[in-house]
Amino acid sequence: MTDIVVWADGRLRAPGEPLLSGVDHGVTVGDGVFETCGVIRGQAFAFTRHLARLARSARGLGLDEPDLDAIRSGVDAVLAAAPGSGRVRITVTAGIGPLGSGRTPGAQTVLVLAGPASPPSPARVARVPWTRNERSAVAGLKTTSYAENVVALAEAHRHGADEALLANTVGALCEGTGSNVFVERDGELVTPSLSTGCLAGITRELVLEWSAQVGLPVREASPDELPYTVLDEVAAGRAHLALSGSVRTFVPVVALDGSPVAAGPLSAAVADLYARREADDVDP
């Protein structure tokens, strides 16, 4: 914990300092939203896009608009204190509330943390038996209610993987616990539609935009184009996988359910493109 820097209530805090009330709604019922940014050259990468998504998630959850100026100050403070950090985490909760699901209007809790991150590396994934609910009230929102991700990722770890891949309730490939997924087949790289319930990832968004600008065949799938069974094609070597995320960036998948799979050539080209464009502009 000593390599994590914490900001709250307008100033830096010690990592072990008590900051949250026992009745903070973020603690009692997971009533909050968050963002994680990678750090490039001491700055939060794609920060403007991340703040916009934080605000969208807050509106979707029914929270008051976050104080973005305060959050910017917090990010500046933690990165000045720990310029070698690899990630920044911003959390906004509904603040002090009742023990049940009802919410008490009032001041929010805002935390900003900076800490280390492992460099991007090829991913190993595993299929898990649980699904995303594409019709959930919080589908597509980045909320602090992360328990199902914790359970799914733990299952992936038990199978020697570092990410779990989830279907949705109608059997479509959806996403990972903390990443978007891309399928390479028939000369294209395709990512599940947002209608599957997956998060509108910032890295996913940039991959689609940057690939289109240079003419690489990367696109969003139609709603029924990528069933979860497409992973059987990957296991058989007829397709390839890649993952995207704010800290992992864009990386190929090299193992599925404990067996090696080949990285795709288009995925490698997109990974190279992403690395170059990320280096060119810290806030695209």
Protein backbone atom coordinates (compact mmCIF):
# COMPACT_ATOMS: atom_id res chain seq x y z
CA MET A 1 0.00 0.00 0.00
CA THR A 2 2.92 2.37 0.45
CA ASP A 3 3.22 2.81 -3.31
CA ILE A 4 -0.37 4.14 -3.57
CA VAL A 5 -1.09 7.87 -3.25
CA VAL A 6 -4.53 8.96 -2.05
CA TRP A 7 -6.37 12.27 -2.41
CA ALA A 8 -9.67 13.09 -0.68
CA ASP A 9 -11.45 16.23 0.53
CA GLY A 10 -9.01 18.53 -1.21
CA ARG A 11 -5.72 17.13 0.03
CA LEU A 12 -3.37 14.16 -0.05
CA ARG A 13 -3.89 11.46 2.57
CA ALA A 14 -1.82 8.60 3.92
CA PRO A 15 -2.73 5.28 2.23
CA GLY A 16 -3.87 3.75 5.52
CA GLU A 17 -5.78 6.79 6.78
CA PRO A 18 -9.50 6.15 7.46
CA LEU A 19 -11.52 8.18 4.95
CA LEU A 20 -14.97 6.66 4.51
CA SER A 21 -17.89 6.58 6.91
CA GLY A 22 -19.21 3.15 7.80
CA VAL A 23 -22.52 4.26 6.28
CA ASP A 24 -21.11 5.60 3.03
CA HIS A 25 -23.46 4.24 0.37
CA GLY A 26 -20.48 3.17 -1.70
CA VAL A 27 -19.56 0.79 1.13
CA THR A 28 -22.99 -0.43 2.20
CA VAL A 29 -24.55 -1.07 -1.22
CA GLY A 30 -21.89 -0.30 -3.84
CA ASP A 31 -23.64 2.93 -4.85
CA GLY A 32 -20.95 4.66 -6.87
CA VAL A 33 -19.10 5.01 -10.14
CA PHE A 34 -15.45 4.99 -11.05
CA GLU A 35 -12.86 5.41 -13.79
CA THR A 36 -9.34 4.04 -14.20
CA CYS A 37 -6.89 5.80 -16.50
CA GLY A 38 -3.50 4.64 -17.65
CA VAL A 39 -0.68 7.10 -17.06
CA ILE A 40 1.54 8.24 -19.93
CA ARG A 41 4.49 10.56 -19.32
CA GLY A 42 3.10 11.46 -15.91
CA GLN A 43 -0.38 12.33 -17.19
CA ALA A 44 -3.72 10.51 -17.13
CA PHE A 45 -4.25 9.15 -20.63
CA ALA A 46 -7.46 10.10 -22.51
CA PHE A 47 -8.50 12.01 -19.39
CA THR A 48 -11.19 14.09 -21.12
CA ARG A 49 -12.92 10.96 -22.41
CA HIS A 50 -12.71 9.29 -19.01
CA LEU A 51 -14.26 12.29 -17.25
CA ALA A 52 -17.09 12.34 -19.80
CA ARG A 53 -17.79 8.64 -19.18
CA LEU A 54 -17.65 9.17 -15.40
CA ALA A 55 -20.35 11.81 -15.75
CA ARG A 56 -22.44 9.52 -18.00
CA SER A 57 -22.19 6.69 -15.48
CA ALA A 58 -23.19 9.02 -12.65
CA ARG A 59 -26.24 10.21 -14.57
CA GLY A 60 -27.16 6.63 -15.42
CA LEU A 61 -26.98 5.67 -11.74
CA GLY A 62 -29.00 8.72 -10.71
CA LEU A 63 -26.13 10.41 -8.87
CA ASP A 64 -25.57 14.15 -8.84
CA GLU A 65 -23.13 15.45 -11.44
CA PRO A 66 -19.55 14.86 -10.17
CA ASP A 67 -17.40 17.88 -9.39
CA LEU A 68 -15.02 17.51 -12.34
CA ASP A 69 -12.88 20.48 -11.31
CA ALA A 70 -12.23 18.88 -7.92
CA ILE A 71 -11.43 15.58 -9.62
CA ARG A 72 -8.94 17.30 -11.94
CA SER A 73 -7.27 18.84 -8.89
CA GLY A 74 -7.10 15.44 -7.24
CA VAL A 75 -5.54 13.82 -10.29
CA ASP A 76 -2.98 16.61 -10.57
CA ALA A 77 -2.11 16.19 -6.89
CA VAL A 78 -1.62 12.42 -6.89
CA LEU A 79 0.41 12.42 -10.10
CA ALA A 80 2.62 15.25 -8.81
CA ALA A 81 3.22 13.19 -5.68
CA ALA A 82 3.80 9.94 -7.61
CA PRO A 83 4.89 10.79 -11.16
CA GLY A 84 6.01 7.22 -11.81
CA SER A 85 2.50 5.80 -11.33
CA GLY A 86 1.00 3.55 -13.97
CA ARG A 87 -2.66 4.18 -13.24
CA VAL A 88 -5.11 6.64 -11.70
CA ARG A 89 -8.39 5.55 -10.11
CA ILE A 90 -11.27 8.00 -9.58
CA THR A 91 -14.19 6.91 -7.39
CA VAL A 92 -17.40 8.85 -6.73
CA THR A 93 -20.01 7.46 -4.33
CA ALA A 94 -23.43 8.69 -3.20
CA GLY A 95 -21.92 9.60 0.16
CA ILE A 96 -23.47 8.96 3.56
CA GLY A 97 -26.76 7.10 3.30
CA PRO A 98 -29.06 4.58 4.95
CA LEU A 99 -28.26 0.90 5.41
CA GLY A 100 -30.74 -0.09 2.70
CA SER A 101 -30.92 0.77 -0.98
CA GLY A 102 -32.60 4.13 -0.51
CA ARG A 103 -30.35 7.10 -1.10
CA THR A 104 -29.97 10.25 1.02
CA PRO A 105 -29.34 13.38 -1.07
CA GLY A 106 -26.22 15.25 -0.08
CA ALA A 107 -22.52 15.60 -0.63
CA GLN A 108 -20.75 12.90 -2.57
CA THR A 109 -17.59 11.09 -1.58
CA VAL A 110 -14.75 11.58 -4.08
CA LEU A 111 -11.49 9.64 -3.93
CA VAL A 112 -8.55 9.83 -6.33
CA LEU A 113 -5.71 7.31 -6.14
CA ALA A 114 -2.52 6.77 -8.11
CA GLY A 115 -0.49 3.59 -8.06
CA PRO A 116 1.64 1.17 -10.03
CA ALA A 117 0.54 -0.87 -13.03
CA SER A 118 2.12 -3.76 -14.86
CA PRO A 119 3.20 -3.03 -18.44
CA PRO A 120 0.89 -4.34 -21.19
CA SER A 121 1.45 -8.00 -22.07
CA PRO A 122 -0.34 -10.71 -24.06
CA ALA A 123 -3.45 -12.00 -22.31
CA ARG A 124 -4.59 -15.46 -21.22
CA VAL A 125 -8.35 -15.84 -20.99
CA ALA A 126 -10.85 -18.40 -19.76
CA ARG A 127 -14.54 -19.00 -20.34
CA VAL A 128 -16.70 -18.80 -17.21
CA PRO A 129 -20.29 -19.97 -16.62
CA TRP A 130 -21.82 -16.63 -15.61
CA THR A 131 -23.45 -14.03 -17.86
CA ARG A 132 -23.84 -10.31 -18.23
CA ASN A 133 -27.43 -9.05 -18.10
CA GLU A 134 -27.74 -6.78 -21.12
CA ARG A 135 -31.09 -5.53 -19.77
CA SER A 136 -29.78 -4.64 -16.30
CA ALA A 137 -30.48 -1.18 -14.92
CA VAL A 138 -26.71 -0.63 -14.80
CA ALA A 139 -25.74 -2.27 -18.10
CA GLY A 140 -23.00 -0.24 -19.74
CA LEU A 141 -22.30 1.85 -16.63
CA LYS A 142 -18.96 1.73 -14.84
CA THR A 143 -20.18 1.25 -11.27
CA THR A 144 -18.47 0.19 -8.07
CA SER A 145 -20.83 -2.83 -7.84
CA TYR A 146 -18.08 -5.15 -9.01
CA ALA A 147 -18.71 -8.35 -7.06
CA GLU A 148 -19.65 -10.45 -10.10
CA ASN A 149 -16.41 -9.38 -11.78
CA VAL A 150 -14.43 -10.41 -8.71
CA VAL A 151 -16.03 -13.86 -8.74
CA ALA A 152 -15.54 -14.36 -12.49
CA LEU A 153 -11.92 -13.21 -12.41
CA ALA A 154 -11.14 -15.48 -9.47
CA GLU A 155 -12.51 -18.40 -11.50
CA ALA A 156 -10.29 -17.42 -14.43
CA HIS A 157 -7.28 -17.29 -12.10
CA ARG A 158 -8.07 -20.82 -10.93
CA HIS A 159 -7.66 -21.91 -14.54
CA GLY A 160 -4.34 -20.11 -15.00
CA ALA A 161 -5.82 -17.16 -16.89
CA ASP A 162 -5.63 -13.45 -16.20
CA GLU A 163 -9.06 -12.52 -17.61
CA ALA A 164 -12.51 -14.10 -17.86
CA LEU A 165 -14.75 -13.82 -20.93
CA LEU A 166 -18.50 -13.50 -20.41
CA ALA A 167 -21.54 -14.12 -22.57
CA ASN A 168 -24.76 -12.18 -22.08
CA THR A 169 -28.14 -13.71 -21.28
CA VAL A 170 -28.95 -14.47 -24.94
CA GLY A 171 -25.63 -16.18 -25.67
CA ALA A 172 -23.73 -13.35 -27.34
CA LEU A 173 -20.06 -12.72 -26.63
CA CYS A 174 -20.04 -9.67 -24.35
CA GLU A 175 -16.79 -8.65 -22.60
CA GLY A 176 -14.21 -9.48 -19.97
CA THR A 177 -14.39 -8.52 -16.32
CA GLY A 178 -12.29 -5.41 -16.97
CA SER A 179 -11.76 -5.38 -20.72
CA ASN A 180 -13.44 -5.32 -24.09
CA VAL A 181 -12.87 -8.23 -26.45
CA PHE A 182 -12.10 -8.27 -30.19
CA VAL A 183 -12.43 -11.27 -32.51
CA GLU A 184 -10.20 -11.53 -35.58
CA ARG A 185 -11.58 -13.69 -38.39
CA ASP A 186 -12.08 -13.50 -42.15
CA GLY A 187 -9.62 -10.61 -42.39
CA GLU A 188 -11.51 -8.36 -39.95
CA LEU A 189 -11.25 -7.42 -36.30
CA VAL A 190 -14.73 -7.18 -34.76
CA THR A 191 -15.83 -6.16 -31.26
CA PRO A 192 -19.23 -6.91 -29.68
CA SER A 193 -21.97 -4.32 -30.07
CA LEU A 194 -22.79 -2.14 -27.07
CA SER A 195 -26.28 -3.66 -27.22
CA THR A 196 -24.78 -6.85 -25.75
CA GLY A 197 -24.40 -4.98 -22.45
CA CYS A 198 -20.65 -4.47 -22.62
CA LEU A 199 -19.00 -1.31 -21.36
CA ALA A 200 -18.23 1.39 -23.91
CA GLY A 201 -14.50 1.15 -23.24
CA ILE A 202 -12.31 4.18 -23.90
CA THR A 203 -9.58 2.01 -25.43
CA ARG A 204 -12.21 0.19 -27.51
CA GLU A 205 -13.43 3.56 -28.75
CA LEU A 206 -9.93 4.70 -29.70
CA VAL A 207 -9.13 1.41 -31.45
CA LEU A 208 -12.23 1.81 -33.61
CA GLU A 209 -11.47 5.45 -34.39
CA TRP A 210 -7.76 5.09 -35.08
CA SER A 211 -8.16 1.93 -37.15
CA ALA A 212 -10.78 3.62 -39.33
CA GLN A 213 -8.47 6.59 -39.89
CA VAL A 214 -5.72 4.39 -41.36
CA GLY A 215 -8.00 1.97 -43.21
CA LEU A 216 -7.63 -1.10 -41.00
CA PRO A 217 -10.71 -3.38 -41.11
CA VAL A 218 -11.82 -2.99 -37.51
CA ARG A 219 -15.49 -2.46 -36.64
CA GLU A 220 -18.31 -3.01 -34.18
CA ALA A 221 -20.28 -6.19 -34.75
CA SER A 222 -23.97 -6.36 -35.50
CA PRO A 223 -25.97 -7.43 -32.43
CA ASP A 224 -26.11 -11.14 -33.35
CA GLU A 225 -22.81 -11.47 -35.21
CA LEU A 226 -20.59 -12.76 -32.39
CA PRO A 227 -22.18 -15.61 -30.42
CA TYR A 228 -20.25 -16.87 -27.42
CA THR A 229 -19.57 -20.02 -29.44
CA VAL A 230 -17.18 -17.99 -31.61
CA LEU A 231 -14.66 -18.87 -28.91
CA ASP A 232 -14.79 -22.45 -30.23
CA GLU A 233 -13.39 -21.08 -33.50
CA VAL A 234 -10.57 -19.46 -31.57
CA ALA A 235 -9.82 -22.73 -29.77
CA ALA A 236 -9.75 -24.50 -33.15
CA GLY A 237 -7.35 -21.93 -34.63
CA ARG A 238 -9.85 -20.49 -37.14
CA ALA A 239 -10.08 -17.11 -35.35
CA HIS A 240 -8.02 -14.99 -32.96
CA LEU A 241 -8.73 -12.80 -29.93
CA ALA A 242 -7.49 -9.51 -28.52
CA LEU A 243 -8.41 -7.48 -25.43
CA SER A 244 -8.53 -3.75 -24.80
CA GLY A 245 -8.52 -1.77 -21.57
CA SER A 246 -7.22 1.47 -20.16
CA VAL A 247 -4.24 -0.08 -18.38
CA ARG A 248 -3.69 -3.21 -20.51
CA THR A 249 -4.11 -1.02 -23.69
CA PHE A 250 -4.64 -3.34 -26.72
CA VAL A 251 -3.05 -6.77 -26.54
CA PRO A 252 -3.43 -10.15 -28.28
CA VAL A 253 -4.77 -13.22 -26.50
CA VAL A 254 -2.28 -16.10 -26.47
CA ALA A 255 -4.15 -18.70 -24.37
CA LEU A 256 -7.78 -19.78 -24.06
CA ASP A 257 -8.92 -22.13 -21.29
CA GLY A 258 -5.34 -23.14 -20.58
CA SER A 259 -4.41 -23.98 -24.19
CA PRO A 260 -2.18 -21.78 -26.35
CA VAL A 261 -3.78 -19.90 -29.25
CA ALA A 262 -2.07 -17.87 -31.93
CA ALA A 263 -2.15 -14.08 -32.02
CA GLY A 264 -3.71 -12.72 -35.19
CA PRO A 265 -1.77 -10.59 -37.70
CA LEU A 266 -4.42 -7.84 -37.75
CA SER A 267 -4.44 -7.77 -33.96
CA ALA A 268 -0.67 -7.26 -34.04
CA ALA A 269 -1.06 -4.40 -36.51
CA VAL A 270 -3.68 -2.72 -34.32
CA ALA A 271 -1.50 -3.16 -31.22
CA ASP A 272 1.34 -1.41 -33.05
CA LEU A 273 -0.98 1.38 -34.20
CA TYR A 274 -2.30 1.88 -30.68
CA ALA A 275 1.18 2.09 -29.17
CA ARG A 276 2.21 4.72 -31.73
CA ARG A 277 -0.91 6.86 -31.37
CA GLU A 278 -0.87 6.62 -27.57
CA ALA A 279 2.68 8.00 -27.61
CA ASP A 280 1.67 10.89 -29.88
CA ASP A 281 -1.18 12.38 -27.86
CA VAL A 282 -1.85 11.93 -24.17
CA ASP A 283 -5.46 13.22 -24.37
CA PRO A 284 -6.86 12.16 -27.74
